Amino acid sequence: MTDHPHSKAGTKTDTGWKSCLYRGRVTHSRLTPFRHKFHYRVFSLLVDLDELPVLDAGLRLFSHNRANLLSFHDRDHGPRDGSALRPWVEHHLAAAGIDIDGGRISLLCFPRLLGFAFNPLSIYYCRDRQDRLAAILYEVKNTFGQQHGYLLPVPADQQPGAPILQRHDKGFYVSPFLPMECRYRFRLNEPDESLSILIRQDEAGPEGKPLLAATHNAQRAALTDATLLSAFARHPLMTLKVVAGIHWEALRLWRKGARFHSRPTPPLEEVSIWSDPALANGRHDK
């Protein structure tokens, strides 16, 4: 891998690693048919997949595929069989006709804390050899042990600093209180000193009403043993809080009268690939 001096997220500052830590807040807002909102503070890792062996060797409180206070395990992501993640991502990029030519792949996710983790959403940022963001792979998990990915290209004329706007029809069951006939609309920035992610879930159709808005806003910190220990001290039960929070908020929605939707058969393919003429032409939904 060649270093890219003009890259943004996790540039070779501070520790010298492209990987970093983000501390921030996740907010969920139910918009229809009634208002329901909750938020919680979290910290995430943005891990350059090629740096995992170096991070394992350079940090005392973090390990790759080994137990530690905080850790990253390949089997929590991708094919979930413990194999390396980069070939899996590149396989799906090739299926979408996207060649990043050895460019770097960074994964935003929650780490394991004391051996436990649950990631409702993990995001792969895939860059080409010129360090231009070429595609984003959204990896979604539900509390039934299932997982599905959405792979979306980034327009070739995407302007630096401009928000990345993408969309995809919903194809994977997540919440029992949201219908399947929906469309996701994504608005996010390239991770830099700050992280900003907005995901809207709208009813299907051009005039579909907004049902849900989820945001994740955070600030970057260098990835060191000190920042990892500080993040753990502030959020020692983060994994439990995320899982318990999902079920608690589901109970609150049920008590408010939210309609229950049965769980359908999951998609046959592990990743849905979106080929949208609007994206190919550099146009986006607002």
C-alpha atoms as a PDB file:
ATOM      1  CA  MET A   1       0.000   0.000   0.000  1.00  0.00           C
ATOM      2  CA  THR A   2       1.174   3.509  -0.848  1.00  0.00           C
ATOM      3  CA  ASP A   3       0.630   6.378   1.559  1.00  0.00           C
ATOM      4  CA  HIS A   4      -1.643   9.086   0.188  1.00  0.00           C
ATOM      5  CA  PRO A   5      -0.496  12.486   1.481  1.00  0.00           C
ATOM      6  CA  HIS A   6      -3.772  14.225   0.629  1.00  0.00           C
ATOM      7  CA  SER A   7      -6.079  11.761   2.355  1.00  0.00           C
ATOM      8  CA  LYS A   8      -8.470  13.111   4.978  1.00  0.00           C
ATOM      9  CA  ALA A   9      -9.696  10.683   7.623  1.00  0.00           C
ATOM     10  CA  GLY A  10      -6.950   9.370   9.856  1.00  0.00           C
ATOM     11  CA  THR A  11      -4.140  11.090   7.933  1.00  0.00           C
ATOM     12  CA  LYS A  12      -0.635  10.321   9.051  1.00  0.00           C
ATOM     13  CA  THR A  13      -0.706  12.640  12.051  1.00  0.00           C
ATOM     14  CA  ASP A  14      -0.636  12.036  15.779  1.00  0.00           C
ATOM     15  CA  THR A  15       0.176   8.323  15.971  1.00  0.00           C
ATOM     16  CA  GLY A  16       1.176   7.988  12.323  1.00  0.00           C
ATOM     17  CA  TRP A  17      -1.821   5.745  11.664  1.00  0.00           C
ATOM     18  CA  LYS A  18      -4.729   6.329   9.325  1.00  0.00           C
ATOM     19  CA  SER A  19      -7.019   4.592  11.822  1.00  0.00           C
ATOM     20  CA  CYS A  20      -8.583   6.731  14.538  1.00  0.00           C
ATOM     21  CA  LEU A  21     -11.320   6.964  17.158  1.00  0.00           C
ATOM     22  CA  TYR A  22     -14.561   8.974  17.063  1.00  0.00           C
ATOM     23  CA  ARG A  23     -16.499  10.105  20.135  1.00  0.00           C
ATOM     24  CA  GLY A  24     -20.043  11.342  19.675  1.00  0.00           C
ATOM     25  CA  ARG A  25     -23.784  10.761  19.818  1.00  0.00           C
ATOM     26  CA  VAL A  26     -26.342   8.637  17.968  1.00  0.00           C
ATOM     27  CA  THR A  27     -29.919   9.935  17.697  1.00  0.00           C
ATOM     28  CA  HIS A  28     -33.051   8.173  16.408  1.00  0.00           C
ATOM     29  CA  SER A  29     -36.207  10.146  15.634  1.00  0.00           C
ATOM     30  CA  ARG A  30     -39.462   8.404  14.707  1.00  0.00           C
ATOM     31  CA  LEU A  31     -41.487  10.860  12.614  1.00  0.00           C
ATOM     32  CA  THR A  32     -44.667   9.039  11.554  1.00  0.00           C
ATOM     33  CA  PRO A  33     -47.365   8.226  12.677  1.00  0.00           C
ATOM     34  CA  PHE A  34     -46.212   9.700  16.014  1.00  0.00           C
ATOM     35  CA  ARG A  35     -43.070  11.343  17.356  1.00  0.00           C
ATOM     36  CA  HIS A  36     -40.577   9.259  19.281  1.00  0.00           C
ATOM     37  CA  LYS A  37     -36.946  10.217  19.910  1.00  0.00           C
ATOM     38  CA  PHE A  38     -33.974   8.876  21.839  1.00  0.00           C
ATOM     39  CA  HIS A  39     -30.209   9.291  21.794  1.00  0.00           C
ATOM     40  CA  TYR A  40     -27.116   7.831  23.400  1.00  0.00           C
ATOM     41  CA  ARG A  41     -23.399   8.609  23.490  1.00  0.00           C
ATOM     42  CA  VAL A  42     -20.993   6.211  21.806  1.00  0.00           C
ATOM     43  CA  PHE A  43     -17.455   5.887  20.558  1.00  0.00           C
ATOM     44  CA  SER A  44     -16.437   4.186  17.325  1.00  0.00           C
ATOM     45  CA  LEU A  45     -13.269   3.090  15.597  1.00  0.00           C
ATOM     46  CA  LEU A  46     -12.401   3.963  12.026  1.00  0.00           C
ATOM     47  CA  VAL A  47     -10.053   1.110  11.171  1.00  0.00           C
ATOM     48  CA  ASP A  48      -7.902   0.963   8.069  1.00  0.00           C
ATOM     49  CA  LEU A  49      -8.141  -2.757   7.287  1.00  0.00           C
ATOM     50  CA  ASP A  50      -4.499  -2.901   6.201  1.00  0.00           C
ATOM     51  CA  GLU A  51      -3.378  -1.446   9.536  1.00  0.00           C
ATOM     52  CA  LEU A  52      -4.964  -4.077  11.762  1.00  0.00           C
ATOM     53  CA  PRO A  53      -1.720  -6.050  12.328  1.00  0.00           C
ATOM     54  CA  VAL A  54       0.115  -2.798  13.138  1.00  0.00           C
ATOM     55  CA  LEU A  55      -2.586  -1.678  15.562  1.00  0.00           C
ATOM     56  CA  ASP A  56      -2.481  -5.073  17.253  1.00  0.00           C
ATOM     57  CA  ALA A  57       1.273  -4.764  17.753  1.00  0.00           C
ATOM     58  CA  GLY A  58       1.325  -1.071  18.664  1.00  0.00           C
ATOM     59  CA  LEU A  59      -1.497  -0.854  21.226  1.00  0.00           C
ATOM     60  CA  ARG A  60      -1.623  -2.622  24.586  1.00  0.00           C
ATOM     61  CA  LEU A  61      -5.378  -2.245  25.125  1.00  0.00           C
ATOM     62  CA  PHE A  62      -6.464  -3.238  21.606  1.00  0.00           C
ATOM     63  CA  SER A  63      -6.093  -6.553  19.788  1.00  0.00           C
ATOM     64  CA  HIS A  64      -7.012  -7.990  16.420  1.00  0.00           C
ATOM     65  CA  ASN A  65      -8.735 -11.385  16.612  1.00  0.00           C
ATOM     66  CA  ARG A  66      -7.572 -11.781  20.218  1.00  0.00           C
ATOM     67  CA  ALA A  67      -9.146 -11.036  23.585  1.00  0.00           C
ATOM     68  CA  ASN A  68      -8.374  -7.668  25.149  1.00  0.00           C
ATOM     69  CA  LEU A  69     -10.087  -4.742  26.833  1.00  0.00           C
ATOM     70  CA  LEU A  70     -11.030  -3.583  23.325  1.00  0.00           C
ATOM     71  CA  SER A  71     -10.685  -5.692  20.219  1.00  0.00           C
ATOM     72  CA  PHE A  72     -11.657  -6.110  16.590  1.00  0.00           C
ATOM     73  CA  HIS A  73     -12.605  -9.555  15.283  1.00  0.00           C
ATOM     74  CA  ASP A  74     -12.948 -10.283  11.589  1.00  0.00           C
ATOM     75  CA  ARG A  75     -15.776 -12.731  12.274  1.00  0.00           C
ATOM     76  CA  ASP A  76     -17.991  -9.878  13.484  1.00  0.00           C
ATOM     77  CA  HIS A  77     -18.145  -8.457   9.954  1.00  0.00           C
ATOM     78  CA  GLY A  78     -18.272  -9.374   6.272  1.00  0.00           C
ATOM     79  CA  PRO A  79     -18.705 -13.122   5.736  1.00  0.00           C
ATOM     80  CA  ARG A  80     -18.566 -13.592   9.543  1.00  0.00           C
ATOM     81  CA  ASP A  81     -16.391 -16.684   9.211  1.00  0.00           C
ATOM     82  CA  GLY A  82     -13.175 -15.149  10.521  1.00  0.00           C
ATOM     83  CA  SER A  83     -11.592 -14.664   7.108  1.00  0.00           C
ATOM     84  CA  ALA A  84      -9.899 -11.409   6.092  1.00  0.00           C
ATOM     85  CA  LEU A  85     -12.312  -8.610   5.268  1.00  0.00           C
ATOM     86  CA  ARG A  86     -10.479  -6.856   2.455  1.00  0.00           C
ATOM     87  CA  PRO A  87     -10.898  -9.699  -0.107  1.00  0.00           C
ATOM     88  CA  TRP A  88     -14.597  -9.919   0.794  1.00  0.00           C
ATOM     89  CA  VAL A  89     -15.141  -6.204   0.194  1.00  0.00           C
ATOM     90  CA  GLU A  90     -13.123  -6.278  -3.036  1.00  0.00           C
ATOM     91  CA  HIS A  91     -15.200  -9.228  -4.260  1.00  0.00           C
ATOM     92  CA  HIS A  92     -18.406  -7.219  -3.933  1.00  0.00           C
ATOM     93  CA  LEU A  93     -16.794  -4.121  -5.420  1.00  0.00           C
ATOM     94  CA  ALA A  94     -15.808  -6.195  -8.454  1.00  0.00           C
ATOM     95  CA  ALA A  95     -19.378  -7.503  -8.738  1.00  0.00           C
ATOM     96  CA  ALA A  96     -20.474  -3.862  -8.879  1.00  0.00           C
ATOM     97  CA  GLY A  97     -17.907  -3.070 -11.562  1.00  0.00           C
ATOM     98  CA  ILE A  98     -15.782  -0.963  -9.185  1.00  0.00           C
ATOM     99  CA  ASP A  99     -11.994  -1.383  -9.176  1.00  0.00           C
ATOM    100  CA  ILE A 100     -10.204   0.491  -6.386  1.00  0.00           C
ATOM    101  CA  ASP A 101      -6.816  -0.878  -7.567  1.00  0.00           C
ATOM    102  CA  GLY A 102      -5.494  -1.576  -4.098  1.00  0.00           C
ATOM    103  CA  GLY A 103      -6.811   1.645  -2.576  1.00  0.00           C
ATOM    104  CA  ARG A 104      -7.471   1.683   1.125  1.00  0.00           C
ATOM    105  CA  ILE A 105     -10.623   0.450   2.827  1.00  0.00           C
ATOM    106  CA  SER A 106     -11.635   1.881   6.200  1.00  0.00           C
ATOM    107  CA  LEU A 107     -14.335   0.409   8.425  1.00  0.00           C
ATOM    108  CA  LEU A 108     -16.344   2.478  10.901  1.00  0.00           C
ATOM    109  CA  CYS A 109     -17.707   0.285  13.691  1.00  0.00           C
ATOM    110  CA  PHE A 110     -18.025  -0.288  17.403  1.00  0.00           C
ATOM    111  CA  PRO A 111     -15.172  -2.357  18.861  1.00  0.00           C
ATOM    112  CA  ARG A 112     -15.646  -5.344  21.091  1.00  0.00           C
ATOM    113  CA  LEU A 113     -15.632  -4.325  24.758  1.00  0.00           C
ATOM    114  CA  LEU A 114     -14.432  -7.113  27.049  1.00  0.00           C
ATOM    115  CA  GLY A 115     -15.197  -9.532  24.211  1.00  0.00           C
ATOM    116  CA  PHE A 116     -18.701  -8.325  23.320  1.00  0.00           C
ATOM    117  CA  ALA A 117     -19.962  -6.138  20.473  1.00  0.00           C
ATOM    118  CA  PHE A 118     -23.081  -5.429  18.470  1.00  0.00           C
ATOM    119  CA  ASN A 119     -23.024  -3.198  15.415  1.00  0.00           C
ATOM    120  CA  PRO A 120     -26.445  -2.165  14.087  1.00  0.00           C
ATOM    121  CA  LEU A 121     -24.548  -0.388  11.301  1.00  0.00           C
ATOM    122  CA  SER A 122     -20.949  -0.615  10.123  1.00  0.00           C
ATOM    123  CA  ILE A 123     -19.680   1.429   7.171  1.00  0.00           C
ATOM    124  CA  TYR A 124     -16.858   0.582   4.766  1.00  0.00           C
ATOM    125  CA  TYR A 125     -15.315   3.597   3.010  1.00  0.00           C
ATOM    126  CA  CYS A 126     -13.630   2.319  -0.169  1.00  0.00           C
ATOM    127  CA  ARG A 127     -11.049   4.538  -1.887  1.00  0.00           C
ATOM    128  CA  ASP A 128      -9.169   4.096  -5.128  1.00  0.00           C
ATOM    129  CA  ARG A 129      -5.406   4.373  -5.683  1.00  0.00           C
ATOM    130  CA  GLN A 130      -5.704   8.183  -5.933  1.00  0.00           C
ATOM    131  CA  ASP A 131      -7.459   8.142  -2.547  1.00  0.00           C
ATOM    132  CA  ARG A 132     -10.753   9.230  -4.083  1.00  0.00           C
ATOM    133  CA  LEU A 133     -13.796   7.763  -2.365  1.00  0.00           C
ATOM    134  CA  ALA A 134     -15.224   5.316  -4.911  1.00  0.00           C
ATOM    135  CA  ALA A 135     -17.922   3.442  -2.992  1.00  0.00           C
ATOM    136  CA  ILE A 136     -19.529   2.969   0.406  1.00  0.00           C
ATOM    137  CA  LEU A 137     -20.714  -0.366   1.765  1.00  0.00           C
ATOM    138  CA  TYR A 138     -23.313  -0.163   4.534  1.00  0.00           C
ATOM    139  CA  GLU A 139     -23.382  -3.336   6.652  1.00  0.00           C
ATOM    140  CA  VAL A 140     -26.634  -3.653   8.632  1.00  0.00           C
ATOM    141  CA  LYS A 141     -27.349  -6.139  11.422  1.00  0.00           C
ATOM    142  CA  ASN A 142     -30.604  -6.884  13.218  1.00  0.00           C
ATOM    143  CA  THR A 143     -31.157  -8.387  16.662  1.00  0.00           C
ATOM    144  CA  PHE A 144     -32.135 -11.730  15.104  1.00  0.00           C
ATOM    145  CA  GLY A 145     -28.527 -12.492  14.191  1.00  0.00           C
ATOM    146  CA  GLN A 146     -28.945 -11.575  10.528  1.00  0.00           C
ATOM    147  CA  GLN A 147     -26.885  -9.223   8.387  1.00  0.00           C
ATOM    148  CA  HIS A 148     -27.135  -7.566   4.989  1.00  0.00           C
ATOM    149  CA  GLY A 149     -25.096  -5.026   3.048  1.00  0.00           C
ATOM    150  CA  TYR A 150     -25.886  -2.193   0.658  1.00  0.00           C
ATOM    151  CA  LEU A 151     -23.087  -1.239  -1.752  1.00  0.00           C
ATOM    152  CA  LEU A 152     -23.435   2.193  -3.332  1.00  0.00           C
ATOM    153  CA  PRO A 153     -21.038   3.925  -5.742  1.00  0.00           C
ATOM    154  CA  VAL A 154     -19.858   7.471  -5.148  1.00  0.00           C
ATOM    155  CA  PRO A 155     -20.207   9.691  -8.248  1.00  0.00           C
ATOM    156  CA  ALA A 156     -16.956  10.336 -10.103  1.00  0.00           C
ATOM    157  CA  ASP A 157     -17.633  14.087  -9.935  1.00  0.00           C
ATOM    158  CA  GLN A 158     -18.176  14.145  -6.170  1.00  0.00           C
ATOM    159  CA  GLN A 159     -16.729  17.456  -4.976  1.00  0.00           C
ATOM    160  CA  PRO A 160     -14.288  17.465  -2.028  1.00  0.00           C
ATOM    161  CA  GLY A 161     -16.032  18.602   1.125  1.00  0.00           C
ATOM    162  CA  ALA A 162     -19.515  18.258  -0.348  1.00  0.00           C
ATOM    163  CA  PRO A 163     -21.944  15.902   1.427  1.00  0.00           C
ATOM    164  CA  ILE A 164     -22.251  12.433  -0.065  1.00  0.00           C
ATOM    165  CA  LEU A 165     -25.897  11.759  -0.968  1.00  0.00           C
ATOM    166  CA  GLN A 166     -27.024   8.198  -1.693  1.00  0.00           C
ATOM    167  CA  ARG A 167     -30.184   6.116  -1.626  1.00  0.00           C
ATOM    168  CA  HIS A 168     -31.284   2.489  -1.720  1.00  0.00           C
ATOM    169  CA  ASP A 169     -34.547   0.622  -1.446  1.00  0.00           C
ATOM    170  CA  LYS A 170     -34.876  -1.239   1.836  1.00  0.00           C
ATOM    171  CA  GLY A 171     -34.345  -4.957   1.368  1.00  0.00           C
ATOM    172  CA  PHE A 172     -33.562  -6.246   4.869  1.00  0.00           C
ATOM    173  CA  TYR A 173     -35.726  -6.498   7.984  1.00  0.00           C
ATOM    174  CA  VAL A 174     -34.420  -4.478  10.922  1.00  0.00           C
ATOM    175  CA  SER A 175     -37.235  -3.195  13.151  1.00  0.00           C
ATOM    176  CA  PRO A 176     -40.590  -4.946  13.652  1.00  0.00           C
ATOM    177  CA  PHE A 177     -42.214  -1.497  13.771  1.00  0.00           C
ATOM    178  CA  LEU A 178     -41.100  -0.277  10.362  1.00  0.00           C
ATOM    179  CA  PRO A 179     -42.410  -1.585   7.028  1.00  0.00           C
ATOM    180  CA  MET A 180     -40.245  -3.184   4.363  1.00  0.00           C
ATOM    181  CA  GLU A 181     -41.652  -0.988   1.575  1.00  0.00           C
ATOM    182  CA  CYS A 182     -39.263   1.877   2.246  1.00  0.00           C
ATOM    183  CA  ARG A 183     -36.291   3.695   0.849  1.00  0.00           C
ATOM    184  CA  TYR A 184     -33.112   4.693   2.674  1.00  0.00           C
ATOM    185  CA  ARG A 185     -31.588   8.095   1.981  1.00  0.00           C
ATOM    186  CA  PHE A 186     -28.025   8.598   3.169  1.00  0.00           C
ATOM    187  CA  ARG A 187     -26.247  11.898   3.746  1.00  0.00           C
ATOM    188  CA  LEU A 188     -22.727  11.738   5.133  1.00  0.00           C
ATOM    189  CA  ASN A 189     -19.312  13.317   4.951  1.00  0.00           C
ATOM    190  CA  GLU A 190     -15.934  11.756   4.396  1.00  0.00           C
ATOM    191  CA  PRO A 191     -14.674  11.145   7.945  1.00  0.00           C
ATOM    192  CA  ASP A 192     -12.239  13.905   8.850  1.00  0.00           C
ATOM    193  CA  GLU A 193     -11.883  15.859  12.094  1.00  0.00           C
ATOM    194  CA  SER A 194     -15.628  15.375  12.403  1.00  0.00           C
ATOM    195  CA  LEU A 195     -18.005  12.583  11.469  1.00  0.00           C
ATOM    196  CA  SER A 196     -21.541  13.232  10.236  1.00  0.00           C
ATOM    197  CA  ILE A 197     -24.027  10.565   9.144  1.00  0.00           C
ATOM    198  CA  LEU A 198     -27.741  11.042   8.491  1.00  0.00           C
ATOM    199  CA  ILE A 199     -29.954   8.141   7.415  1.00  0.00           C
ATOM    200  CA  ARG A 200     -33.593   8.762   6.578  1.00  0.00           C
ATOM    201  CA  GLN A 201     -36.119   6.004   6.044  1.00  0.00           C
ATOM    202  CA  ASP A 202     -39.024   7.117   3.870  1.00  0.00           C
ATOM    203  CA  GLU A 203     -42.134   5.412   2.603  1.00  0.00           C
ATOM    204  CA  ALA A 204     -41.764   3.889  -0.847  1.00  0.00           C
ATOM    205  CA  GLY A 205     -42.646   6.055  -3.839  1.00  0.00           C
ATOM    206  CA  PRO A 206     -41.600   9.512  -5.019  1.00  0.00           C
ATOM    207  CA  GLU A 207     -43.860  11.247  -2.475  1.00  0.00           C
ATOM    208  CA  GLY A 208     -43.183   8.849   0.383  1.00  0.00           C
ATOM    209  CA  LYS A 209     -43.487  10.359   3.850  1.00  0.00           C
ATOM    210  CA  PRO A 210     -40.421  10.345   6.129  1.00  0.00           C
ATOM    211  CA  LEU A 211     -40.708   7.653   8.793  1.00  0.00           C
ATOM    212  CA  LEU A 212     -37.404   7.737  10.637  1.00  0.00           C
ATOM    213  CA  ALA A 213     -34.231   9.814  10.834  1.00  0.00           C
ATOM    214  CA  ALA A 214     -31.047   8.515  12.461  1.00  0.00           C
ATOM    215  CA  THR A 215     -27.899  10.571  12.952  1.00  0.00           C
ATOM    216  CA  HIS A 216     -24.384   9.893  14.158  1.00  0.00           C
ATOM    217  CA  ASN A 217     -22.220  12.951  14.856  1.00  0.00           C
ATOM    218  CA  ALA A 218     -18.777  12.652  16.378  1.00  0.00           C
ATOM    219  CA  GLN A 219     -15.312  14.194  16.732  1.00  0.00           C
ATOM    220  CA  ARG A 220     -12.039  12.536  15.866  1.00  0.00           C
ATOM    221  CA  ALA A 221      -9.339  11.563  18.370  1.00  0.00           C
ATOM    222  CA  ALA A 222      -6.013   9.842  17.847  1.00  0.00           C
ATOM    223  CA  LEU A 223      -6.047   6.092  18.409  1.00  0.00           C
ATOM    224  CA  THR A 224      -3.849   5.546  21.466  1.00  0.00           C
ATOM    225  CA  ASP A 225      -3.998   3.471  24.623  1.00  0.00           C
ATOM    226  CA  ALA A 226      -4.894   6.643  26.529  1.00  0.00           C
ATOM    227  CA  THR A 227      -7.860   7.534  24.311  1.00  0.00           C
ATOM    228  CA  LEU A 228      -9.041   3.909  24.290  1.00  0.00           C
ATOM    229  CA  LEU A 229      -8.893   3.722  28.086  1.00  0.00           C
ATOM    230  CA  SER A 230     -10.701   7.051  28.401  1.00  0.00           C
ATOM    231  CA  ALA A 231     -13.422   5.942  25.972  1.00  0.00           C
ATOM    232  CA  PHE A 232     -13.885   2.654  27.814  1.00  0.00           C
ATOM    233  CA  ALA A 233     -14.032   4.408  31.188  1.00  0.00           C
ATOM    234  CA  ARG A 234     -16.796   6.681  29.885  1.00  0.00           C
ATOM    235  CA  HIS A 235     -18.733   3.877  28.150  1.00  0.00           C
ATOM    236  CA  PRO A 236     -17.870   0.527  29.822  1.00  0.00           C
ATOM    237  CA  LEU A 237     -21.354  -0.862  29.117  1.00  0.00           C
ATOM    238  CA  MET A 238     -21.764   0.554  25.608  1.00  0.00           C
ATOM    239  CA  THR A 239     -22.511  -2.807  23.988  1.00  0.00           C
ATOM    240  CA  LEU A 240     -25.128  -3.646  26.610  1.00  0.00           C
ATOM    241  CA  LYS A 241     -26.586  -0.155  26.328  1.00  0.00           C
ATOM    242  CA  VAL A 242     -26.971  -0.452  22.543  1.00  0.00           C
ATOM    243  CA  VAL A 243     -28.659  -3.867  22.669  1.00  0.00           C
ATOM    244  CA  ALA A 244     -30.812  -3.074  25.709  1.00  0.00           C
ATOM    245  CA  GLY A 245     -31.731   0.289  24.229  1.00  0.00           C
ATOM    246  CA  ILE A 246     -32.999  -1.289  21.023  1.00  0.00           C
ATOM    247  CA  HIS A 247     -35.335  -3.591  22.948  1.00  0.00           C
ATOM    248  CA  TRP A 248     -36.439  -0.900  25.416  1.00  0.00           C
ATOM    249  CA  GLU A 249     -37.320   1.546  22.650  1.00  0.00           C
ATOM    250  CA  ALA A 250     -39.159  -1.238  20.792  1.00  0.00           C
ATOM    251  CA  LEU A 251     -41.253  -1.806  23.929  1.00  0.00           C
ATOM    252  CA  ARG A 252     -42.010   1.905  24.165  1.00  0.00           C
ATOM    253  CA  LEU A 253     -43.058   1.987  20.493  1.00  0.00           C
ATOM    254  CA  TRP A 254     -45.322  -1.027  21.035  1.00  0.00           C
ATOM    255  CA  ARG A 255     -46.970   0.680  24.006  1.00  0.00           C
ATOM    256  CA  LYS A 256     -47.565   3.754  21.858  1.00  0.00           C
ATOM    257  CA  GLY A 257     -49.423   1.611  19.369  1.00  0.00           C
ATOM    258  CA  ALA A 258     -46.820   1.153  16.636  1.00  0.00           C
ATOM    259  CA  ARG A 259     -47.898  -1.354  14.000  1.00  0.00           C
ATOM    260  CA  PHE A 260     -46.066  -4.688  14.072  1.00  0.00           C
ATOM    261  CA  HIS A 261     -44.570  -6.023  10.820  1.00  0.00           C
ATOM    262  CA  SER A 262     -43.711  -9.717  10.541  1.00  0.00           C
ATOM    263  CA  ARG A 263     -40.161 -10.712   9.666  1.00  0.00           C
ATOM    264  CA  PRO A 264     -39.851 -11.866   6.049  1.00  0.00           C
ATOM    265  CA  THR A 265     -37.296 -14.264   4.598  1.00  0.00           C
ATOM    266  CA  PRO A 266     -33.935 -12.467   4.402  1.00  0.00           C
ATOM    267  CA  PRO A 267     -32.407 -11.659   0.994  1.00  0.00           C
ATOM    268  CA  LEU A 268     -30.587 -14.471  -0.771  1.00  0.00           C
ATOM    269  CA  GLU A 269     -27.628 -12.253  -1.614  1.00  0.00           C
ATOM    270  CA  GLU A 270     -25.445 -10.977   1.224  1.00  0.00           C
ATOM    271  CA  VAL A 271     -24.938  -7.562  -0.392  1.00  0.00           C
ATOM    272  CA  SER A 272     -27.366  -5.547  -2.525  1.00  0.00           C
ATOM    273  CA  ILE A 273     -25.686  -3.503  -5.256  1.00  0.00           C
ATOM    274  CA  TRP A 274     -27.347  -0.267  -6.327  1.00  0.00           C
ATOM    275  CA  SER A 275     -26.949   0.939  -9.890  1.00  0.00           C
ATOM    276  CA  ASP A 276     -28.806   4.247 -10.020  1.00  0.00           C
ATOM    277  CA  PRO A 277     -28.756   6.458 -13.131  1.00  0.00           C
ATOM    278  CA  ALA A 278     -29.101   9.522 -10.895  1.00  0.00           C
ATOM    279  CA  LEU A 279     -25.886   8.578  -9.133  1.00  0.00           C
ATOM    280  CA  ALA A 280     -24.113   7.724 -12.375  1.00  0.00           C
ATOM    281  CA  ASN A 281     -25.001  11.168 -13.733  1.00  0.00           C
ATOM    282  CA  GLY A 282     -23.853  12.925 -10.589  1.00  0.00           C
ATOM    283  CA  ARG A 283     -27.372  13.887  -9.473  1.00  0.00           C
ATOM    284  CA  HIS A 284     -28.631  13.220  -5.950  1.00  0.00           C
ATOM    285  CA  ASP A 285     -31.784  13.352  -3.911  1.00  0.00           C
ATOM    286  CA  LYS A 286     -31.788  16.164  -1.386  1.00  0.00           C
END
